[in-house]
Amino acid sequence: AALMAGGITRTADTELWNGSSWTEVNNLNAAREYFRGAGTTTAGIAFAGVTSDPTAVGLTETWDGTNWTEVNDLNTARQKPGAAAAGTTTASLAYGGSPGAPETTVIANTESWNGSTWTEVNDLNTARYGIAGAGIITSAIGIAGYTTTIVTNVETWDGSSWTEVAEFNTSRYVVGSTGHDNEAVIIFGGAAPSKVDNVEIWNGSSW
């Protein structure tokens, strides 16, 4: 059970996976790329990204299993942020990113979602975009990313602040990642700048 929406070419297309095939369902209200999401196939959230011009947006939409509904925007518009992807439509976290494309500046800003509004909370220690994320609003992780160079910094979130922890082994950015909290995460692929197929597992203290 998975939900896929938007993407490069700034599409609004949304598709649902049932374990064997994809089915087209109702589109996002705002076509976009480079955004992030969290939740499930019946209760999801999508936020940030780039729409019809290179200016990043704070647009937020929630998914109820049938339709997308526009809700309150992020306080800081951004593209390519990190997200606590195991979060829900009532408890999500957005962090880092860039306010435009090309990415001439990066941000460390972090915001938490309570189901109706975004609230600014403590920033990342290292500002960056293209940051990989996993976890939930009280136990998240931010991995890798890009400033003017590739960064290997890893930070964990405890619900109130970010703490720098051990860096991973193979330097890269635009990595895939998944995990339900900041103590058990897997990362895979990425670019360094050439593509890599390396996979690493985080056990809460080391990679």
C-alpha atoms as a PDB file:
ATOM      1  CA  ALA A   1       0.000   0.000   0.000  1.00  0.00           C
ATOM      2  CA  ALA A   2       1.728   3.143  -1.223  1.00  0.00           C
ATOM      3  CA  LEU A   3       0.894   6.559  -2.644  1.00  0.00           C
ATOM      4  CA  MET A   4       2.916   8.449  -5.258  1.00  0.00           C
ATOM      5  CA  ALA A   5       2.195  12.035  -6.251  1.00  0.00           C
ATOM      6  CA  GLY A   6       3.752  14.852  -8.272  1.00  0.00           C
ATOM      7  CA  GLY A   7       7.326  14.808  -9.524  1.00  0.00           C
ATOM      8  CA  ILE A   8       9.656  16.178 -12.165  1.00  0.00           C
ATOM      9  CA  THR A   9       7.900  17.944 -15.059  1.00  0.00           C
ATOM     10  CA  ARG A  10       5.809  19.472 -12.252  1.00  0.00           C
ATOM     11  CA  THR A  11       2.928  17.091 -12.508  1.00  0.00           C
ATOM     12  CA  ALA A  12      -0.121  16.758 -10.260  1.00  0.00           C
ATOM     13  CA  ASP A  13      -0.643  13.071 -11.060  1.00  0.00           C
ATOM     14  CA  THR A  14      -1.321  10.781  -8.104  1.00  0.00           C
ATOM     15  CA  GLU A  15      -1.230   6.994  -8.172  1.00  0.00           C
ATOM     16  CA  LEU A  16      -2.092   4.333  -5.617  1.00  0.00           C
ATOM     17  CA  TRP A  17      -0.210   1.002  -5.261  1.00  0.00           C
ATOM     18  CA  ASN A  18      -2.146  -2.034  -3.969  1.00  0.00           C
ATOM     19  CA  GLY A  19       0.712  -4.530  -3.878  1.00  0.00           C
ATOM     20  CA  SER A  20       0.522  -5.568  -7.513  1.00  0.00           C
ATOM     21  CA  SER A  21      -0.463  -2.585  -9.670  1.00  0.00           C
ATOM     22  CA  TRP A  22      -0.717   1.205  -9.793  1.00  0.00           C
ATOM     23  CA  THR A  23      -4.078   2.986 -10.179  1.00  0.00           C
ATOM     24  CA  GLU A  24      -4.516   6.648 -11.082  1.00  0.00           C
ATOM     25  CA  VAL A  25      -6.516   8.545  -8.472  1.00  0.00           C
ATOM     26  CA  ASN A  26      -7.360  12.218  -7.898  1.00  0.00           C
ATOM     27  CA  ASN A  27      -4.591  14.711  -8.596  1.00  0.00           C
ATOM     28  CA  LEU A  28      -2.839  17.137  -6.315  1.00  0.00           C
ATOM     29  CA  ASN A  29      -4.401  20.605  -6.398  1.00  0.00           C
ATOM     30  CA  ALA A  30      -0.976  22.123  -7.181  1.00  0.00           C
ATOM     31  CA  ALA A  31       1.291  20.379  -9.697  1.00  0.00           C
ATOM     32  CA  ARG A  32       4.842  20.408  -8.388  1.00  0.00           C
ATOM     33  CA  GLU A  33       8.205  18.732  -7.935  1.00  0.00           C
ATOM     34  CA  TYR A  34      10.872  18.518  -5.221  1.00  0.00           C
ATOM     35  CA  PHE A  35       8.384  18.369  -2.358  1.00  0.00           C
ATOM     36  CA  ARG A  36       8.060  15.916   0.534  1.00  0.00           C
ATOM     37  CA  GLY A  37       5.313  13.828   2.039  1.00  0.00           C
ATOM     38  CA  ALA A  38       4.371  11.667   4.997  1.00  0.00           C
ATOM     39  CA  GLY A  39       1.566   9.444   6.203  1.00  0.00           C
ATOM     40  CA  THR A  40      -0.373   6.564   4.668  1.00  0.00           C
ATOM     41  CA  THR A  41      -2.538   5.786   1.620  1.00  0.00           C
ATOM     42  CA  THR A  42      -5.632   6.931   3.515  1.00  0.00           C
ATOM     43  CA  ALA A  43      -4.154   9.826   5.504  1.00  0.00           C
ATOM     44  CA  GLY A  44      -1.217  11.576   3.882  1.00  0.00           C
ATOM     45  CA  ILE A  45       0.362  15.006   3.665  1.00  0.00           C
ATOM     46  CA  ALA A  46       2.423  16.721   0.937  1.00  0.00           C
ATOM     47  CA  PHE A  47       4.313  19.971   1.475  1.00  0.00           C
ATOM     48  CA  ALA A  48       6.834  22.390  -0.090  1.00  0.00           C
ATOM     49  CA  GLY A  49       8.245  22.054  -3.618  1.00  0.00           C
ATOM     50  CA  VAL A  50       8.441  24.008  -6.879  1.00  0.00           C
ATOM     51  CA  THR A  51       5.423  24.758  -9.073  1.00  0.00           C
ATOM     52  CA  SER A  52       5.304  26.608 -12.413  1.00  0.00           C
ATOM     53  CA  ASP A  53       8.329  28.814 -11.731  1.00  0.00           C
ATOM     54  CA  PRO A  54      11.655  28.263  -9.923  1.00  0.00           C
ATOM     55  CA  THR A  55      10.428  29.918  -6.725  1.00  0.00           C
ATOM     56  CA  ALA A  56       9.898  27.446  -3.909  1.00  0.00           C
ATOM     57  CA  VAL A  57       6.484  27.246  -2.249  1.00  0.00           C
ATOM     58  CA  GLY A  58       5.095  26.410   1.173  1.00  0.00           C
ATOM     59  CA  LEU A  59       1.990  24.731  -0.199  1.00  0.00           C
ATOM     60  CA  THR A  60       0.586  21.963   1.984  1.00  0.00           C
ATOM     61  CA  GLU A  61      -2.100  19.443   1.031  1.00  0.00           C
ATOM     62  CA  THR A  62      -3.634  16.548   2.939  1.00  0.00           C
ATOM     63  CA  TRP A  63      -4.927  13.291   1.454  1.00  0.00           C
ATOM     64  CA  ASP A  64      -7.987  11.510   2.895  1.00  0.00           C
ATOM     65  CA  GLY A  65      -7.830   8.408   0.735  1.00  0.00           C
ATOM     66  CA  THR A  66      -9.817  10.015  -2.076  1.00  0.00           C
ATOM     67  CA  ASN A  67      -8.990  13.704  -2.443  1.00  0.00           C
ATOM     68  CA  TRP A  68      -6.243  16.237  -1.788  1.00  0.00           C
ATOM     69  CA  THR A  69      -7.232  19.331   0.218  1.00  0.00           C
ATOM     70  CA  GLU A  70      -5.164  22.501   0.485  1.00  0.00           C
ATOM     71  CA  VAL A  71      -4.453  23.475   4.086  1.00  0.00           C
ATOM     72  CA  ASN A  72      -2.178  26.047   5.765  1.00  0.00           C
ATOM     73  CA  ASP A  73       1.202  26.713   4.142  1.00  0.00           C
ATOM     74  CA  LEU A  74       4.617  26.293   5.679  1.00  0.00           C
ATOM     75  CA  ASN A  75       5.928  29.497   7.253  1.00  0.00           C
ATOM     76  CA  THR A  76       9.092  29.254   5.145  1.00  0.00           C
ATOM     77  CA  ALA A  77       8.643  28.271   1.485  1.00  0.00           C
ATOM     78  CA  ARG A  78      11.184  25.702   0.338  1.00  0.00           C
ATOM     79  CA  GLN A  79      12.073  22.915  -2.049  1.00  0.00           C
ATOM     80  CA  LYS A  80      14.028  19.692  -1.452  1.00  0.00           C
ATOM     81  CA  PRO A  81      13.496  19.660   2.336  1.00  0.00           C
ATOM     82  CA  GLY A  82      13.838  16.689   4.637  1.00  0.00           C
ATOM     83  CA  ALA A  83      10.765  15.119   6.201  1.00  0.00           C
ATOM     84  CA  ALA A  84       9.839  12.770   9.010  1.00  0.00           C
ATOM     85  CA  ALA A  85       8.187  10.523   6.429  1.00  0.00           C
ATOM     86  CA  ALA A  86       6.683   8.139   8.975  1.00  0.00           C
ATOM     87  CA  GLY A  87       4.683  11.071  10.311  1.00  0.00           C
ATOM     88  CA  THR A  88       0.940  11.576   9.922  1.00  0.00           C
ATOM     89  CA  THR A  89      -1.498  14.215   8.744  1.00  0.00           C
ATOM     90  CA  THR A  90      -1.667  15.492  12.319  1.00  0.00           C
ATOM     91  CA  ALA A  91       2.017  15.255  13.249  1.00  0.00           C
ATOM     92  CA  SER A  92       4.722  15.893  10.654  1.00  0.00           C
ATOM     93  CA  LEU A  93       8.126  17.574  10.481  1.00  0.00           C
ATOM     94  CA  ALA A  94       9.796  19.545   7.646  1.00  0.00           C
ATOM     95  CA  TYR A  95      13.444  20.628   7.788  1.00  0.00           C
ATOM     96  CA  GLY A  96      16.103  22.229   5.645  1.00  0.00           C
ATOM     97  CA  GLY A  97      15.758  22.895   1.933  1.00  0.00           C
ATOM     98  CA  SER A  98      16.331  25.796  -0.441  1.00  0.00           C
ATOM     99  CA  PRO A  99      14.087  28.804  -1.136  1.00  0.00           C
ATOM    100  CA  GLY A 100      14.487  28.567  -4.908  1.00  0.00           C
ATOM    101  CA  ALA A 101      16.012  26.987  -7.975  1.00  0.00           C
ATOM    102  CA  PRO A 102      18.847  27.031  -8.743  1.00  0.00           C
ATOM    103  CA  GLU A 103      19.723  26.435  -5.105  1.00  0.00           C
ATOM    104  CA  THR A 104      21.840  29.514  -4.391  1.00  0.00           C
ATOM    105  CA  THR A 105      20.991  29.537  -0.682  1.00  0.00           C
ATOM    106  CA  VAL A 106      20.137  26.845   1.846  1.00  0.00           C
ATOM    107  CA  ILE A 107      18.108  26.950   5.055  1.00  0.00           C
ATOM    108  CA  ALA A 108      18.232  25.197   8.420  1.00  0.00           C
ATOM    109  CA  ASN A 109      14.662  26.085   9.360  1.00  0.00           C
ATOM    110  CA  THR A 110      12.551  23.317  10.935  1.00  0.00           C
ATOM    111  CA  GLU A 111       8.756  23.327  11.255  1.00  0.00           C
ATOM    112  CA  SER A 112       6.312  20.967  12.963  1.00  0.00           C
ATOM    113  CA  TRP A 113       2.729  20.303  11.803  1.00  0.00           C
ATOM    114  CA  ASN A 114      -0.078  19.694  14.313  1.00  0.00           C
ATOM    115  CA  GLY A 115      -2.854  18.915  11.870  1.00  0.00           C
ATOM    116  CA  SER A 116      -3.839  22.525  11.187  1.00  0.00           C
ATOM    117  CA  THR A 117      -0.786  24.810  11.306  1.00  0.00           C
ATOM    118  CA  TRP A 118       3.007  24.770  10.939  1.00  0.00           C
ATOM    119  CA  THR A 119       5.107  26.045  13.850  1.00  0.00           C
ATOM    120  CA  GLU A 120       8.776  27.021  13.663  1.00  0.00           C
ATOM    121  CA  VAL A 121      10.936  25.025  16.057  1.00  0.00           C
ATOM    122  CA  ASN A 122      14.703  24.666  16.533  1.00  0.00           C
ATOM    123  CA  ASP A 123      16.854  24.724  13.391  1.00  0.00           C
ATOM    124  CA  LEU A 124      19.155  22.068  11.998  1.00  0.00           C
ATOM    125  CA  ASN A 125      22.792  22.535  13.011  1.00  0.00           C
ATOM    126  CA  THR A 126      23.844  22.382   9.339  1.00  0.00           C
ATOM    127  CA  ALA A 127      21.702  24.165   6.735  1.00  0.00           C
ATOM    128  CA  ARG A 128      21.279  22.124   3.514  1.00  0.00           C
ATOM    129  CA  TYR A 129      18.909  20.966   0.794  1.00  0.00           C
ATOM    130  CA  GLY A 130      18.336  17.517  -0.670  1.00  0.00           C
ATOM    131  CA  ILE A 131      18.464  16.158   2.868  1.00  0.00           C
ATOM    132  CA  ALA A 132      17.200  12.620   3.406  1.00  0.00           C
ATOM    133  CA  GLY A 133      14.825  12.068   6.295  1.00  0.00           C
ATOM    134  CA  ALA A 134      12.977   9.410   8.254  1.00  0.00           C
ATOM    135  CA  GLY A 135      11.100   8.972  11.506  1.00  0.00           C
ATOM    136  CA  ILE A 136       8.281  10.794  13.257  1.00  0.00           C
ATOM    137  CA  ILE A 137       7.729  14.208  14.819  1.00  0.00           C
ATOM    138  CA  THR A 138       9.342  13.179  18.133  1.00  0.00           C
ATOM    139  CA  SER A 139      12.094  10.958  16.720  1.00  0.00           C
ATOM    140  CA  ALA A 140      13.427  12.006  13.310  1.00  0.00           C
ATOM    141  CA  ILE A 141      16.723  11.939  11.463  1.00  0.00           C
ATOM    142  CA  GLY A 142      18.316  14.174   8.800  1.00  0.00           C
ATOM    143  CA  ILE A 143      20.973  12.609   6.584  1.00  0.00           C
ATOM    144  CA  ALA A 144      23.412  14.024   4.016  1.00  0.00           C
ATOM    145  CA  GLY A 145      22.425  16.857   1.685  1.00  0.00           C
ATOM    146  CA  TYR A 146      24.111  19.654  -0.211  1.00  0.00           C
ATOM    147  CA  THR A 147      25.269  23.195   0.571  1.00  0.00           C
ATOM    148  CA  THR A 148      27.969  24.300  -1.872  1.00  0.00           C
ATOM    149  CA  THR A 149      29.403  20.799  -1.517  1.00  0.00           C
ATOM    150  CA  ILE A 150      28.131  17.385  -0.492  1.00  0.00           C
ATOM    151  CA  VAL A 151      27.774  17.093   3.285  1.00  0.00           C
ATOM    152  CA  THR A 152      27.870  13.847   5.248  1.00  0.00           C
ATOM    153  CA  ASN A 153      26.410  15.317   8.434  1.00  0.00           C
ATOM    154  CA  VAL A 154      23.752  13.282  10.223  1.00  0.00           C
ATOM    155  CA  GLU A 155      21.469  14.822  12.856  1.00  0.00           C
ATOM    156  CA  THR A 156      18.778  13.313  15.064  1.00  0.00           C
ATOM    157  CA  TRP A 157      15.678  15.099  16.358  1.00  0.00           C
ATOM    158  CA  ASP A 158      14.249  14.299  19.801  1.00  0.00           C
ATOM    159  CA  GLY A 159      11.082  16.374  19.537  1.00  0.00           C
ATOM    160  CA  SER A 160      12.707  19.649  20.544  1.00  0.00           C
ATOM    161  CA  SER A 161      16.251  19.937  19.135  1.00  0.00           C
ATOM    162  CA  TRP A 162      18.743  18.522  16.629  1.00  0.00           C
ATOM    163  CA  THR A 163      21.942  16.721  17.686  1.00  0.00           C
ATOM    164  CA  GLU A 164      24.841  15.871  15.378  1.00  0.00           C
ATOM    165  CA  VAL A 165      25.667  12.162  15.450  1.00  0.00           C
ATOM    166  CA  ALA A 166      28.003   9.793  13.588  1.00  0.00           C
ATOM    167  CA  GLU A 167      28.453  10.408   9.862  1.00  0.00           C
ATOM    168  CA  PHE A 168      27.751   7.606   7.411  1.00  0.00           C
ATOM    169  CA  ASN A 169      30.521   5.732   5.592  1.00  0.00           C
ATOM    170  CA  THR A 170      30.087   6.609   1.901  1.00  0.00           C
ATOM    171  CA  SER A 171      29.857  10.333   1.105  1.00  0.00           C
ATOM    172  CA  ARG A 172      26.826  11.144  -1.106  1.00  0.00           C
ATOM    173  CA  TYR A 173      23.620  13.140  -1.374  1.00  0.00           C
ATOM    174  CA  VAL A 174      20.089  12.650  -2.815  1.00  0.00           C
ATOM    175  CA  VAL A 175      19.963   9.327  -0.979  1.00  0.00           C
ATOM    176  CA  GLY A 176      16.942   7.129  -0.401  1.00  0.00           C
ATOM    177  CA  SER A 177      16.003   6.546   3.231  1.00  0.00           C
ATOM    178  CA  THR A 178      13.368   4.920   5.390  1.00  0.00           C
ATOM    179  CA  GLY A 179      12.747   4.266   9.074  1.00  0.00           C
ATOM    180  CA  HIS A 180      10.065   4.645  11.731  1.00  0.00           C
ATOM    181  CA  ASP A 181      12.281   6.536  14.202  1.00  0.00           C
ATOM    182  CA  ASN A 182      15.830   7.904  14.567  1.00  0.00           C
ATOM    183  CA  GLU A 183      17.272   4.671  15.969  1.00  0.00           C
ATOM    184  CA  ALA A 184      16.667   2.254  13.075  1.00  0.00           C
ATOM    185  CA  VAL A 185      17.160   3.642   9.575  1.00  0.00           C
ATOM    186  CA  ILE A 186      18.360   2.366   6.214  1.00  0.00           C
ATOM    187  CA  ILE A 187      19.837   4.557   3.461  1.00  0.00           C
ATOM    188  CA  PHE A 188      20.525   3.520  -0.113  1.00  0.00           C
ATOM    189  CA  GLY A 189      21.813   4.883  -3.401  1.00  0.00           C
ATOM    190  CA  GLY A 190      22.621   8.510  -4.068  1.00  0.00           C
ATOM    191  CA  ALA A 191      25.243  10.515  -5.935  1.00  0.00           C
ATOM    192  CA  ALA A 192      28.799  11.382  -4.926  1.00  0.00           C
ATOM    193  CA  PRO A 193      28.754  12.942  -7.599  1.00  0.00           C
ATOM    194  CA  SER A 194      28.625   9.724  -9.650  1.00  0.00           C
ATOM    195  CA  LYS A 195      25.807   7.321  -8.783  1.00  0.00           C
ATOM    196  CA  VAL A 196      26.367   4.803  -5.971  1.00  0.00           C
ATOM    197  CA  ASP A 197      24.530   1.611  -4.984  1.00  0.00           C
ATOM    198  CA  ASN A 198      25.854   1.502  -1.423  1.00  0.00           C
ATOM    199  CA  VAL A 199      23.396   0.595   1.364  1.00  0.00           C
ATOM    200  CA  GLU A 200      23.947   1.413   5.049  1.00  0.00           C
ATOM    201  CA  ILE A 201      21.997   0.728   8.232  1.00  0.00           C
ATOM    202  CA  TRP A 202      21.851   2.985  11.315  1.00  0.00           C
ATOM    203  CA  ASN A 203      21.372   1.332  14.713  1.00  0.00           C
ATOM    204  CA  GLY A 204      21.045   4.501  16.764  1.00  0.00           C
ATOM    205  CA  SER A 205      24.771   4.989  17.321  1.00  0.00           C
ATOM    206  CA  SER A 206      26.712   3.949  14.219  1.00  0.00           C
ATOM    207  CA  TRP A 207      26.397   3.152  10.507  1.00  0.00           C
END
